[in-house]
Amino acid sequence: MTERSKYQQSVIRNYYQNRDAIALQRAQEIVTELYLSEGKKREKYWKSLANHLLKLEVKQETIDHLVAQDDPQLAAQLVERLSKIS
């Protein structure tokens, strides 16, 4: 396996340093999509949002509650609180 260049190393390092910000931004985008989607797409977005919330260290019970309620407004409120903390 070849060694990584300095540029590649810096890209990887920056990604891991900003992983929380990336997950938060993606969660915000997914909440928007939840408002607009229906059916199977909506289920897919809920799964994706759950994964990003886990990366942000949200408790599994909270995530399960959000998914069970199927209310994008509750998810939006949670993501807004998380963005204020960051």
Protein backbone atom coordinates (compact mmCIF):
# COMPACT_ATOMS: atom_id res chain seq x y z
CA MET A 1 0.00 0.00 0.00
CA THR A 2 1.35 3.41 -0.91
CA GLU A 3 1.87 6.12 1.62
CA ARG A 4 -0.45 9.09 1.68
CA SER A 5 0.75 12.49 0.56
CA LYS A 6 0.82 15.40 3.01
CA TYR A 7 -2.26 16.83 1.30
CA GLN A 8 -4.18 13.56 1.73
CA GLN A 9 -3.13 13.38 5.37
CA SER A 10 -4.37 16.91 5.99
CA VAL A 11 -7.71 16.20 4.30
CA ILE A 12 -8.21 13.11 6.46
CA ARG A 13 -7.17 14.97 9.63
CA ASN A 14 -9.52 17.88 8.85
CA TYR A 15 -12.40 15.49 8.24
CA TYR A 16 -12.00 13.87 11.65
CA GLN A 17 -11.57 17.24 13.38
CA ASN A 18 -14.82 18.50 11.82
CA ARG A 19 -16.81 15.28 11.96
CA ASP A 20 -19.35 16.67 14.45
CA ALA A 21 -19.99 19.78 12.37
CA ILE A 22 -20.42 17.65 9.25
CA ALA A 23 -22.90 15.34 11.01
CA LEU A 24 -24.86 18.32 12.35
CA GLN A 25 -25.07 19.97 8.94
CA ARG A 26 -26.23 16.73 7.33
CA ALA A 27 -28.84 16.25 10.09
CA GLN A 28 -30.19 19.73 9.33
CA GLU A 29 -30.44 18.87 5.64
CA ILE A 30 -32.22 15.59 6.39
CA VAL A 31 -34.80 17.33 8.60
CA THR A 32 -35.67 19.54 5.63
CA GLU A 33 -36.08 16.45 3.46
CA LEU A 34 -38.33 14.85 6.08
CA TYR A 35 -40.81 17.70 5.77
CA LEU A 36 -41.03 17.11 2.01
CA SER A 37 -40.95 13.32 1.75
CA GLU A 38 -43.49 10.53 2.05
CA GLY A 39 -43.53 6.75 2.17
CA LYS A 40 -40.34 4.76 1.76
CA LYS A 41 -38.22 7.85 1.16
CA ARG A 42 -39.35 9.23 4.49
CA GLU A 43 -38.34 5.99 6.22
CA LYS A 44 -34.94 6.19 4.54
CA TYR A 45 -34.45 9.76 5.79
CA TRP A 46 -35.42 8.74 9.34
CA LYS A 47 -32.77 5.98 9.28
CA SER A 48 -30.18 8.39 7.96
CA LEU A 49 -31.08 11.00 10.58
CA ALA A 50 -30.81 8.37 13.30
CA ASN A 51 -27.29 7.49 12.14
CA HIS A 52 -26.19 11.13 12.16
CA LEU A 53 -27.73 11.73 15.58
CA LEU A 54 -25.80 8.74 16.91
CA LYS A 55 -22.61 10.34 15.60
CA LEU A 56 -23.58 13.45 17.54
CA GLU A 57 -23.88 11.29 20.69
CA VAL A 58 -27.64 11.64 21.12
CA LYS A 59 -29.09 8.92 23.35
CA GLN A 60 -30.63 5.95 21.57
CA GLU A 61 -33.87 6.35 23.56
CA THR A 62 -34.27 9.89 22.24
CA ILE A 63 -33.66 8.77 18.67
CA ASP A 64 -36.15 5.90 19.02
CA HIS A 65 -38.76 8.32 20.36
CA LEU A 66 -38.26 10.70 17.42
CA VAL A 67 -38.59 7.90 14.88
CA ALA A 68 -41.69 6.50 16.60
CA GLN A 69 -43.36 9.93 16.64
CA ASP A 70 -42.58 10.45 12.92
CA ASP A 71 -42.76 14.22 13.46
CA PRO A 72 -40.14 16.29 11.61
CA GLN A 73 -40.88 19.26 13.87
CA LEU A 74 -39.59 17.36 16.92
CA ALA A 75 -36.46 16.41 14.99
CA ALA A 76 -35.99 20.03 13.93
CA GLN A 77 -36.22 21.19 17.53
CA LEU A 78 -33.61 18.65 18.62
CA VAL A 79 -31.23 19.56 15.80
CA GLU A 80 -31.69 23.25 16.61
CA ARG A 81 -30.75 22.60 20.25
CA LEU A 82 -27.71 20.63 19.12
CA SER A 83 -26.59 23.47 16.84
CA LYS A 84 -26.76 25.93 19.74
CA ILE A 85 -24.57 23.65 21.86
CA SER A 86 -21.89 23.30 19.19
